Amino acid sequence: MTVAVEMTFRGATLEQYDTVVDKMGYERQGEGHQDGLFHWVAQTPEGLRIVDVWDSPEAFQAFADSTLGPISAEVGVPAPAVTITPIHNYLYGPRFAR
């Protein structure tokens, strides 16, 4: 079941985010995790908001437990508030065809 994963990181900064992305070995505007379909991040007055689309909640959780959580903690990123919502449908442009 495809899901949207919405994460709110109160007090987090874009500098911390960039450090986490670098430590995971990803390039900005490049390819991400094999089970992730899409990802975006924005600075908000409260911190950071990240929204991902994943193949399943289990795939996201496995990534969060093995990689995202440990690296984020190492960088000092606060734990997020997470909301997972089943997706009925999604569309993507030809640049993002899988």
PDB file of N, CA and C in Angstrom:
ATOM      1  N   MET A   1       0.838  -1.179   0.000  1.00  0.00           N
ATOM      2  CA  MET A   1       0.000   0.000   0.000  1.00  0.00           C
ATOM      3  C   MET A   1       0.882   1.240   0.000  1.00  0.00           C
ATOM      4  N   THR A   2       0.796   2.060  -1.020  1.00  0.00           N
ATOM      5  CA  THR A   2       1.556   3.292  -1.123  1.00  0.00           C
ATOM      6  C   THR A   2       1.072   4.278  -0.071  1.00  0.00           C
ATOM      7  N   VAL A   3       2.042   4.973   0.574  1.00  0.00           N
ATOM      8  CA  VAL A   3       1.690   5.901   1.653  1.00  0.00           C
ATOM      9  C   VAL A   3       2.440   7.218   1.516  1.00  0.00           C
ATOM     10  N   ALA A   4       1.807   8.268   2.049  1.00  0.00           N
ATOM     11  CA  ALA A   4       2.482   9.547   2.255  1.00  0.00           C
ATOM     12  C   ALA A   4       2.993   9.548   3.680  1.00  0.00           C
ATOM     13  N   VAL A   5       4.229   9.958   3.855  1.00  0.00           N
ATOM     14  CA  VAL A   5       4.832  10.070   5.181  1.00  0.00           C
ATOM     15  C   VAL A   5       5.145  11.546   5.392  1.00  0.00           C
ATOM     16  N   GLU A   6       4.409  12.167   6.314  1.00  0.00           N
ATOM     17  CA  GLU A   6       4.613  13.580   6.621  1.00  0.00           C
ATOM     18  C   GLU A   6       5.359  13.676   7.945  1.00  0.00           C
ATOM     19  N   MET A   7       6.489  14.386   7.931  1.00  0.00           N
ATOM     20  CA  MET A   7       7.309  14.521   9.132  1.00  0.00           C
ATOM     21  C   MET A   7       7.538  15.997   9.435  1.00  0.00           C
ATOM     22  N   THR A   8       7.306  16.359  10.688  1.00  0.00           N
ATOM     23  CA  THR A   8       7.549  17.716  11.156  1.00  0.00           C
ATOM     24  C   THR A   8       8.653  17.664  12.201  1.00  0.00           C
ATOM     25  N   PHE A   9       9.760  18.319  11.899  1.00  0.00           N
ATOM     26  CA  PHE A   9      10.921  18.349  12.785  1.00  0.00           C
ATOM     27  C   PHE A   9      10.995  19.733  13.420  1.00  0.00           C
ATOM     28  N   ARG A  10      10.438  19.887  14.619  1.00  0.00           N
ATOM     29  CA  ARG A  10      10.457  21.182  15.310  1.00  0.00           C
ATOM     30  C   ARG A  10      11.893  21.543  15.697  1.00  0.00           C
ATOM     31  N   GLY A  11      12.303  22.743  15.293  1.00  0.00           N
ATOM     32  CA  GLY A  11      13.625  23.237  15.644  1.00  0.00           C
ATOM     33  C   GLY A  11      14.747  22.790  14.724  1.00  0.00           C
ATOM     34  N   ALA A  12      14.467  21.922  13.751  1.00  0.00           N
ATOM     35  CA  ALA A  12      15.509  21.456  12.829  1.00  0.00           C
ATOM     36  C   ALA A  12      15.806  22.526  11.786  1.00  0.00           C
ATOM     37  N   THR A  13      17.013  22.454  11.230  1.00  0.00           N
ATOM     38  CA  THR A  13      17.444  23.442  10.232  1.00  0.00           C
ATOM     39  C   THR A  13      17.756  22.771   8.896  1.00  0.00           C
ATOM     40  N   LEU A  14      17.779  23.579   7.858  1.00  0.00           N
ATOM     41  CA  LEU A  14      18.170  23.064   6.541  1.00  0.00           C
ATOM     42  C   LEU A  14      19.629  22.623   6.539  1.00  0.00           C
ATOM     43  N   GLU A  15      20.463  23.272   7.316  1.00  0.00           N
ATOM     44  CA  GLU A  15      21.864  22.851   7.412  1.00  0.00           C
ATOM     45  C   GLU A  15      21.951  21.427   7.975  1.00  0.00           C
ATOM     46  N   GLN A  16      21.168  21.130   9.020  1.00  0.00           N
ATOM     47  CA  GLN A  16      21.142  19.762   9.562  1.00  0.00           C
ATOM     48  C   GLN A  16      20.633  18.787   8.510  1.00  0.00           C
ATOM     49  N   TYR A  17      19.565  19.160   7.818  1.00  0.00           N
ATOM     50  CA  TYR A  17      19.005  18.315   6.767  1.00  0.00           C
ATOM     51  C   TYR A  17      20.069  17.996   5.714  1.00  0.00           C
ATOM     52  N   ASP A  18      20.764  19.038   5.235  1.00  0.00           N
ATOM     53  CA  ASP A  18      21.795  18.829   4.216  1.00  0.00           C
ATOM     54  C   ASP A  18      22.882  17.886   4.719  1.00  0.00           C
ATOM     55  N   THR A  19      23.240  17.994   5.989  1.00  0.00           N
ATOM     56  CA  THR A  19      24.252  17.107   6.560  1.00  0.00           C
ATOM     57  C   THR A  19      23.758  15.663   6.572  1.00  0.00           C
ATOM     58  N   VAL A  20      22.497  15.455   6.943  1.00  0.00           N
ATOM     59  CA  VAL A  20      21.921  14.098   6.947  1.00  0.00           C
ATOM     60  C   VAL A  20      21.929  13.525   5.530  1.00  0.00           C
ATOM     61  N   VAL A  21      21.490  14.313   4.560  1.00  0.00           N
ATOM     62  CA  VAL A  21      21.462  13.850   3.161  1.00  0.00           C
ATOM     63  C   VAL A  21      22.872  13.477   2.702  1.00  0.00           C
ATOM     64  N   ASP A  22      23.847  14.311   3.039  1.00  0.00           N
ATOM     65  CA  ASP A  22      25.239  14.019   2.659  1.00  0.00           C
ATOM     66  C   ASP A  22      25.713  12.716   3.302  1.00  0.00           C
ATOM     67  N   LYS A  23      25.431  12.525   4.584  1.00  0.00           N
ATOM     68  CA  LYS A  23      25.872  11.313   5.288  1.00  0.00           C
ATOM     69  C   LYS A  23      25.201  10.057   4.730  1.00  0.00           C
ATOM     70  N   MET A  24      23.989  10.195   4.185  1.00  0.00           N
ATOM     71  CA  MET A  24      23.312   9.051   3.574  1.00  0.00           C
ATOM     72  C   MET A  24      23.830   8.778   2.163  1.00  0.00           C
ATOM     73  N   GLY A  25      24.622   9.707   1.620  1.00  0.00           N
ATOM     74  CA  GLY A  25      25.205   9.505   0.295  1.00  0.00           C
ATOM     75  C   GLY A  25      24.305   9.897  -0.855  1.00  0.00           C
ATOM     76  N   TYR A  26      23.272  10.693  -0.591  1.00  0.00           N
ATOM     77  CA  TYR A  26      22.370  11.127  -1.651  1.00  0.00           C
ATOM     78  C   TYR A  26      22.783  12.489  -2.185  1.00  0.00           C
ATOM     79  N   GLU A  27      22.469  12.747  -3.448  1.00  0.00           N
ATOM     80  CA  GLU A  27      22.728  14.039  -4.066  1.00  0.00           C
ATOM     81  C   GLU A  27      21.428  14.821  -4.104  1.00  0.00           C
ATOM     82  N   ARG A  28      21.532  16.124  -3.867  1.00  0.00           N
ATOM     83  CA  ARG A  28      20.337  16.967  -3.942  1.00  0.00           C
ATOM     84  C   ARG A  28      19.741  16.877  -5.340  1.00  0.00           C
ATOM     85  N   GLN A  29      18.436  16.746  -5.390  1.00  0.00           N
ATOM     86  CA  GLN A  29      17.667  16.605  -6.623  1.00  0.00           C
ATOM     87  C   GLN A  29      18.099  15.382  -7.413  1.00  0.00           C
ATOM     88  N   GLY A  30      18.624  14.379  -6.694  1.00  0.00           N
ATOM     89  CA  GLY A  30      19.055  13.141  -7.330  1.00  0.00           C
ATOM     90  C   GLY A  30      18.191  11.978  -6.903  1.00  0.00           C
ATOM     91  N   GLU A  31      18.682  10.802  -7.140  1.00  0.00           N
ATOM     92  CA  GLU A  31      17.954   9.577  -6.817  1.00  0.00           C
ATOM     93  C   GLU A  31      18.035   9.297  -5.322  1.00  0.00           C
ATOM     94  N   GLY A  32      16.911   8.856  -4.765  1.00  0.00           N
ATOM     95  CA  GLY A  32      16.842   8.530  -3.344  1.00  0.00           C
ATOM     96  C   GLY A  32      16.771   7.034  -3.119  1.00  0.00           C
ATOM     97  N   HIS A  33      16.167   6.649  -2.019  1.00  0.00           N
ATOM     98  CA  HIS A  33      16.051   5.247  -1.626  1.00  0.00           C
ATOM     99  C   HIS A  33      15.211   4.470  -2.640  1.00  0.00           C
ATOM    100  N   GLN A  34      15.547   3.226  -2.872  1.00  0.00           N
ATOM    101  CA  GLN A  34      14.875   2.413  -3.898  1.00  0.00           C
ATOM    102  C   GLN A  34      13.386   2.204  -3.634  1.00  0.00           C
ATOM    103  N   ASP A  35      12.940   2.251  -2.379  1.00  0.00           N
ATOM    104  CA  ASP A  35      11.520   2.063  -2.081  1.00  0.00           C
ATOM    105  C   ASP A  35      10.775   3.377  -1.885  1.00  0.00           C
ATOM    106  N   GLY A  36      11.499   4.493  -1.957  1.00  0.00           N
ATOM    107  CA  GLY A  36      10.869   5.804  -1.856  1.00  0.00           C
ATOM    108  C   GLY A  36      10.501   6.294  -3.243  1.00  0.00           C
ATOM    109  N   LEU A  37       9.309   6.842  -3.381  1.00  0.00           N
ATOM    110  CA  LEU A  37       8.860   7.295  -4.689  1.00  0.00           C
ATOM    111  C   LEU A  37       9.100   8.780  -4.917  1.00  0.00           C
ATOM    112  N   PHE A  38       9.009   9.559  -3.842  1.00  0.00           N
ATOM    113  CA  PHE A  38       9.216  10.999  -3.962  1.00  0.00           C
ATOM    114  C   PHE A  38       9.502  11.580  -2.593  1.00  0.00           C
ATOM    115  N   HIS A  39      10.214  12.725  -2.568  1.00  0.00           N
ATOM    116  CA  HIS A  39      10.626  13.353  -1.322  1.00  0.00           C
ATOM    117  C   HIS A  39      10.746  14.852  -1.539  1.00  0.00           C
ATOM    118  N   TRP A  40      10.252  15.631  -0.585  1.00  0.00           N
ATOM    119  CA  TRP A  40      10.539  17.068  -0.597  1.00  0.00           C
ATOM    120  C   TRP A  40      10.674  17.567   0.827  1.00  0.00           C
ATOM    121  N   VAL A  41      11.394  18.688   0.969  1.00  0.00           N
ATOM    122  CA  VAL A  41      11.626  19.305   2.275  1.00  0.00           C
ATOM    123  C   VAL A  41      11.438  20.810   2.134  1.00  0.00           C
ATOM    124  N   ALA A  42      10.923  21.424   3.206  1.00  0.00           N
ATOM    125  CA  ALA A  42      10.778  22.878   3.244  1.00  0.00           C
ATOM    126  C   ALA A  42      11.023  23.377   4.658  1.00  0.00           C
ATOM    127  N   GLN A  43      11.631  24.559   4.747  1.00  0.00           N
ATOM    128  CA  GLN A  43      11.788  25.232   6.036  1.00  0.00           C
ATOM    129  C   GLN A  43      10.438  25.845   6.388  1.00  0.00           C
ATOM    130  N   THR A  44      10.024  25.707   7.628  1.00  0.00           N
ATOM    131  CA  THR A  44       8.804  26.330   8.130  1.00  0.00           C
ATOM    132  C   THR A  44       9.187  27.195   9.329  1.00  0.00           C
ATOM    133  N   PRO A  45       8.279  28.029   9.819  1.00  0.00           N
ATOM    134  CA  PRO A  45       8.600  28.808  11.013  1.00  0.00           C
ATOM    135  C   PRO A  45       8.933  27.930  12.230  1.00  0.00           C
ATOM    136  N   GLU A  46       8.419  26.697  12.247  1.00  0.00           N
ATOM    137  CA  GLU A  46       8.645  25.783  13.373  1.00  0.00           C
ATOM    138  C   GLU A  46       9.887  24.918  13.213  1.00  0.00           C
ATOM    139  N   GLY A  47      10.393  24.764  11.998  1.00  0.00           N
ATOM    140  CA  GLY A  47      11.530  23.871  11.760  1.00  0.00           C
ATOM    141  C   GLY A  47      11.522  23.381  10.323  1.00  0.00           C
ATOM    142  N   LEU A  48      11.420  22.051  10.144  1.00  0.00           N
ATOM    143  CA  LEU A  48      11.388  21.464   8.805  1.00  0.00           C
ATOM    144  C   LEU A  48      10.130  20.628   8.625  1.00  0.00           C
ATOM    145  N   ARG A  49       9.636  20.643   7.415  1.00  0.00           N
ATOM    146  CA  ARG A  49       8.548  19.745   7.029  1.00  0.00           C
ATOM    147  C   ARG A  49       9.057  18.923   5.862  1.00  0.00           C
ATOM    148  N   ILE A  50       8.935  17.603   6.012  1.00  0.00           N
ATOM    149  CA  ILE A  50       9.356  16.674   4.961  1.00  0.00           C
ATOM    150  C   ILE A  50       8.168  15.794   4.621  1.00  0.00           C
ATOM    151  N   VAL A  51       7.924  15.624   3.337  1.00  0.00           N
ATOM    152  CA  VAL A  51       6.862  14.736   2.877  1.00  0.00           C
ATOM    153  C   VAL A  51       7.476  13.768   1.879  1.00  0.00           C
ATOM    154  N   ASP A  52       7.275  12.491   2.138  1.00  0.00           N
ATOM    155  CA  ASP A  52       7.744  11.419   1.256  1.00  0.00           C
ATOM    156  C   ASP A  52       6.557  10.613   0.771  1.00  0.00           C
ATOM    157  N   VAL A  53       6.726   9.954  -0.353  1.00  0.00           N
ATOM    158  CA  VAL A  53       5.798   8.924  -0.813  1.00  0.00           C
ATOM    159  C   VAL A  53       6.606   7.636  -0.891  1.00  0.00           C
ATOM    160  N   TRP A  54       6.112   6.591  -0.202  1.00  0.00           N
ATOM    161  CA  TRP A  54       6.813   5.312  -0.113  1.00  0.00           C
ATOM    162  C   TRP A  54       5.928   4.190  -0.630  1.00  0.00           C
ATOM    163  N   ASP A  55       6.573   3.114  -1.072  1.00  0.00           N
ATOM    164  CA  ASP A  55       5.838   1.932  -1.533  1.00  0.00           C
ATOM    165  C   ASP A  55       4.977   1.324  -0.436  1.00  0.00           C
ATOM    166  N   SER A  56       5.430   1.423   0.815  1.00  0.00           N
ATOM    167  CA  SER A  56       4.668   0.847   1.932  1.00  0.00           C
ATOM    168  C   SER A  56       5.136   1.479   3.237  1.00  0.00           C
ATOM    169  N   PRO A  57       4.296   1.432   4.274  1.00  0.00           N
ATOM    170  CA  PRO A  57       4.743   1.929   5.574  1.00  0.00           C
ATOM    171  C   PRO A  57       5.904   1.106   6.130  1.00  0.00           C
ATOM    172  N   GLU A  58       5.929  -0.180   5.822  1.00  0.00           N
ATOM    173  CA  GLU A  58       7.011  -1.049   6.300  1.00  0.00           C
ATOM    174  C   GLU A  58       8.353  -0.660   5.678  1.00  0.00           C
ATOM    175  N   ALA A  59       8.331  -0.311   4.393  1.00  0.00           N
ATOM    176  CA  ALA A  59       9.565   0.107   3.724  1.00  0.00           C
ATOM    177  C   ALA A  59      10.089   1.393   4.351  1.00  0.00           C
ATOM    178  N   PHE A  60       9.190   2.348   4.612  1.00  0.00           N
ATOM    179  CA  PHE A  60       9.625   3.576   5.269  1.00  0.00           C
ATOM    180  C   PHE A  60      10.189   3.282   6.658  1.00  0.00           C
ATOM    181  N   GLN A  61       9.487   2.473   7.435  1.00  0.00           N
ATOM    182  CA  GLN A  61       9.918   2.200   8.805  1.00  0.00           C
ATOM    183  C   GLN A  61      11.274   1.507   8.838  1.00  0.00           C
ATOM    184  N   ALA A  62      11.492   0.579   7.925  1.00  0.00           N
ATOM    185  CA  ALA A  62      12.788  -0.105   7.861  1.00  0.00           C
ATOM    186  C   ALA A  62      13.907   0.900   7.579  1.00  0.00           C
ATOM    187  N   PHE A  63      13.667   1.826   6.643  1.00  0.00           N
ATOM    188  CA  PHE A  63      14.655   2.855   6.332  1.00  0.00           C
ATOM    189  C   PHE A  63      14.863   3.790   7.519  1.00  0.00           C
ATOM    190  N   ALA A  64      13.784   4.175   8.170  1.00  0.00           N
ATOM    191  CA  ALA A  64      13.884   5.063   9.328  1.00  0.00           C
ATOM    192  C   ALA A  64      14.689   4.410  10.448  1.00  0.00           C
ATOM    193  N   ASP A  65      14.430   3.125  10.693  1.00  0.00           N
ATOM    194  CA  ASP A  65      15.117   2.420  11.781  1.00  0.00           C
ATOM    195  C   ASP A  65      16.594   2.180  11.481  1.00  0.00           C
ATOM    196  N   SER A  66      16.899   1.826  10.244  1.00  0.00           N
ATOM    197  CA  SER A  66      18.275   1.430   9.913  1.00  0.00           C
ATOM    198  C   SER A  66      19.177   2.599   9.547  1.00  0.00           C
ATOM    199  N   THR A  67      18.617   3.641   8.954  1.00  0.00           N
ATOM    200  CA  THR A  67      19.450   4.695   8.376  1.00  0.00           C
ATOM    201  C   THR A  67      19.051   6.094   8.841  1.00  0.00           C
ATOM    202  N   LEU A  68      17.835   6.480   8.555  1.00  0.00           N
ATOM    203  CA  LEU A  68      17.405   7.850   8.815  1.00  0.00           C
ATOM    204  C   LEU A  68      17.481   8.221  10.293  1.00  0.00           C
ATOM    205  N   GLY A  69      16.942   7.385  11.152  1.00  0.00           N
ATOM    206  CA  GLY A  69      16.938   7.682  12.582  1.00  0.00           C
ATOM    207  C   GLY A  69      18.333   7.808  13.173  1.00  0.00           C
ATOM    208  N   PRO A  70      19.189   6.804  12.974  1.00  0.00           N
ATOM    209  CA  PRO A  70      20.529   6.897  13.540  1.00  0.00           C
ATOM    210  C   PRO A  70      21.345   8.096  13.031  1.00  0.00           C
ATOM    211  N   ILE A  71      21.283   8.366  11.732  1.00  0.00           N
ATOM    212  CA  ILE A  71      22.050   9.495  11.196  1.00  0.00           C
ATOM    213  C   ILE A  71      21.474  10.816  11.694  1.00  0.00           C
ATOM    214  N   SER A  72      20.152  10.935  11.726  1.00  0.00           N
ATOM    215  CA  SER A  72      19.528  12.162  12.228  1.00  0.00           C
ATOM    216  C   SER A  72      19.916  12.414  13.679  1.00  0.00           C
ATOM    217  N   ALA A  73      19.911  11.370  14.494  1.00  0.00           N
ATOM    218  CA  ALA A  73      20.293  11.513  15.904  1.00  0.00           C
ATOM    219  C   ALA A  73      21.757  11.942  16.021  1.00  0.00           C
ATOM    220  N   GLU A  74      22.618  11.364  15.196  1.00  0.00           N
ATOM    221  CA  GLU A  74      24.039  11.713  15.199  1.00  0.00           C
ATOM    222  C   GLU A  74      24.254  13.197  14.896  1.00  0.00           C
ATOM    223  N   VAL A  75      23.425  13.739  13.985  1.00  0.00           N
ATOM    224  CA  VAL A  75      23.539  15.134  13.569  1.00  0.00           C
ATOM    225  C   VAL A  75      22.848  16.071  14.560  1.00  0.00           C
ATOM    226  N   GLY A  76      22.021  15.526  15.453  1.00  0.00           N
ATOM    227  CA  GLY A  76      21.318  16.340  16.434  1.00  0.00           C
ATOM    228  C   GLY A  76      19.953  16.815  15.997  1.00  0.00           C
ATOM    229  N   VAL A  77      19.392  16.163  14.998  1.00  0.00           N
ATOM    230  CA  VAL A  77      18.056  16.506  14.527  1.00  0.00           C
ATOM    231  C   VAL A  77      17.039  15.952  15.524  1.00  0.00           C
ATOM    232  N   PRO A  78      16.091  16.785  15.967  1.00  0.00           N
ATOM    233  CA  PRO A  78      15.091  16.289  16.907  1.00  0.00           C
ATOM    234  C   PRO A  78      14.180  15.247  16.258  1.00  0.00           C
ATOM    235  N   ALA A  79      13.658  14.337  17.056  1.00  0.00           N
ATOM    236  CA  ALA A  79      12.720  13.328  16.536  1.00  0.00           C
ATOM    237  C   ALA A  79      11.486  14.033  15.973  1.00  0.00           C
ATOM    238  N   PRO A  80      10.970  13.539  14.850  1.00  0.00           N
ATOM    239  CA  PRO A  80       9.833  14.211  14.215  1.00  0.00           C
ATOM    240  C   PRO A  80       8.486  13.709  14.733  1.00  0.00           C
ATOM    241  N   ALA A  81       7.475  14.531  14.498  1.00  0.00           N
ATOM    242  CA  ALA A  81       6.091  14.071  14.558  1.00  0.00           C
ATOM    243  C   ALA A  81       5.827  13.481  13.180  1.00  0.00           C
ATOM    244  N   VAL A  82       5.301  12.255  13.131  1.00  0.00           N
ATOM    245  CA  VAL A  82       5.114  11.541  11.864  1.00  0.00           C
ATOM    246  C   VAL A  82       3.641  11.190  11.677  1.00  0.00           C
ATOM    247  N   THR A  83       3.142  11.463  10.481  1.00  0.00           N
ATOM    248  CA  THR A  83       1.796  11.046  10.090  1.00  0.00           C
ATOM    249  C   THR A  83       1.926  10.228   8.815  1.00  0.00           C
ATOM    250  N   ILE A  84       1.354   9.033   8.811  1.00  0.00           N
ATOM    251  CA  ILE A  84       1.376   8.162   7.633  1.00  0.00           C
ATOM    252  C   ILE A  84      -0.051   8.011   7.132  1.00  0.00           C
ATOM    253  N   THR A  85      -0.243   8.309   5.839  1.00  0.00           N
ATOM    254  CA  THR A  85      -1.569   8.295   5.240  1.00  0.00           C
ATOM    255  C   THR A  85      -1.566   7.435   3.981  1.00  0.00           C
ATOM    256  N   PRO A  86      -2.488   6.463   3.871  1.00  0.00           N
ATOM    257  CA  PRO A  86      -2.586   5.686   2.630  1.00  0.00           C
ATOM    258  C   PRO A  86      -2.929   6.598   1.448  1.00  0.00           C
ATOM    259  N   ILE A  87      -2.326   6.329   0.307  1.00  0.00           N
ATOM    260  CA  ILE A  87      -2.557   7.131  -0.894  1.00  0.00           C
ATOM    261  C   ILE A  87      -3.460   6.358  -1.848  1.00  0.00           C
ATOM    262  N   HIS A  88      -4.484   7.020  -2.310  1.00  0.00           N
ATOM    263  CA  HIS A  88      -5.401   6.412  -3.283  1.00  0.00           C
ATOM    264  C   HIS A  88      -4.777   6.375  -4.673  1.00  0.00           C
ATOM    265  N   ASN A  89      -4.106   7.474  -5.056  1.00  0.00           N
ATOM    266  CA  ASN A  89      -3.512   7.566  -6.385  1.00  0.00           C
ATOM    267  C   ASN A  89      -2.394   8.604  -6.340  1.00  0.00           C
ATOM    268  N   TYR A  90      -1.436   8.467  -7.227  1.00  0.00           N
ATOM    269  CA  TYR A  90      -0.420   9.501  -7.414  1.00  0.00           C
ATOM    270  C   TYR A  90      -0.053   9.547  -8.888  1.00  0.00           C
ATOM    271  N   LEU A  91       0.412  10.702  -9.318  1.00  0.00           N
ATOM    272  CA  LEU A  91       0.859  10.906 -10.693  1.00  0.00           C
ATOM    273  C   LEU A  91       2.277  11.467 -10.641  1.00  0.00           C
ATOM    274  N   TYR A  92       3.066  11.215 -11.649  1.00  0.00           N
ATOM    275  CA  TYR A  92       4.409  11.759 -11.712  1.00  0.00           C
ATOM    276  C   TYR A  92       4.703  12.149 -13.153  1.00  0.00           C
ATOM    277  N   GLY A  93       5.580  13.097 -13.298  1.00  0.00           N
ATOM    278  CA  GLY A  93       5.974  13.551 -14.627  1.00  0.00           C
ATOM    279  C   GLY A  93       6.919  12.564 -15.274  1.00  0.00           C
ATOM    280  N   PRO A  94       7.110  12.671 -16.584  1.00  0.00           N
ATOM    281  CA  PRO A  94       7.964  11.738 -17.309  1.00  0.00           C
ATOM    282  C   PRO A  94       9.413  11.752 -16.826  1.00  0.00           C
ATOM    283  N   ARG A  95       9.880  12.850 -16.258  1.00  0.00           N
ATOM    284  CA  ARG A  95      11.247  12.891 -15.727  1.00  0.00           C
ATOM    285  C   ARG A  95      11.428  11.920 -14.576  1.00  0.00           C
ATOM    286  N   PHE A  96      10.329  11.561 -13.898  1.00  0.00           N
ATOM    287  CA  PHE A  96      10.416  10.707 -12.720  1.00  0.00           C
ATOM    288  C   PHE A  96       9.879   9.303 -12.969  1.00  0.00           C
ATOM    289  N   ALA A  97       9.711   8.928 -14.209  1.00  0.00           N
ATOM    290  CA  ALA A  97       9.184   7.593 -14.527  1.00  0.00           C
ATOM    291  C   ALA A  97      10.098   6.521 -13.957  1.00  0.00           C
ATOM    292  N   ARG A  98       9.485   5.495 -13.379  1.00  0.00           N
ATOM    293  CA  ARG A  98      10.238   4.406 -12.783  1.00  0.00           C
ATOM    294  C   ARG A  98      10.302   3.245 -13.744  1.00  0.00           C
TER     295      ARG A  98
END
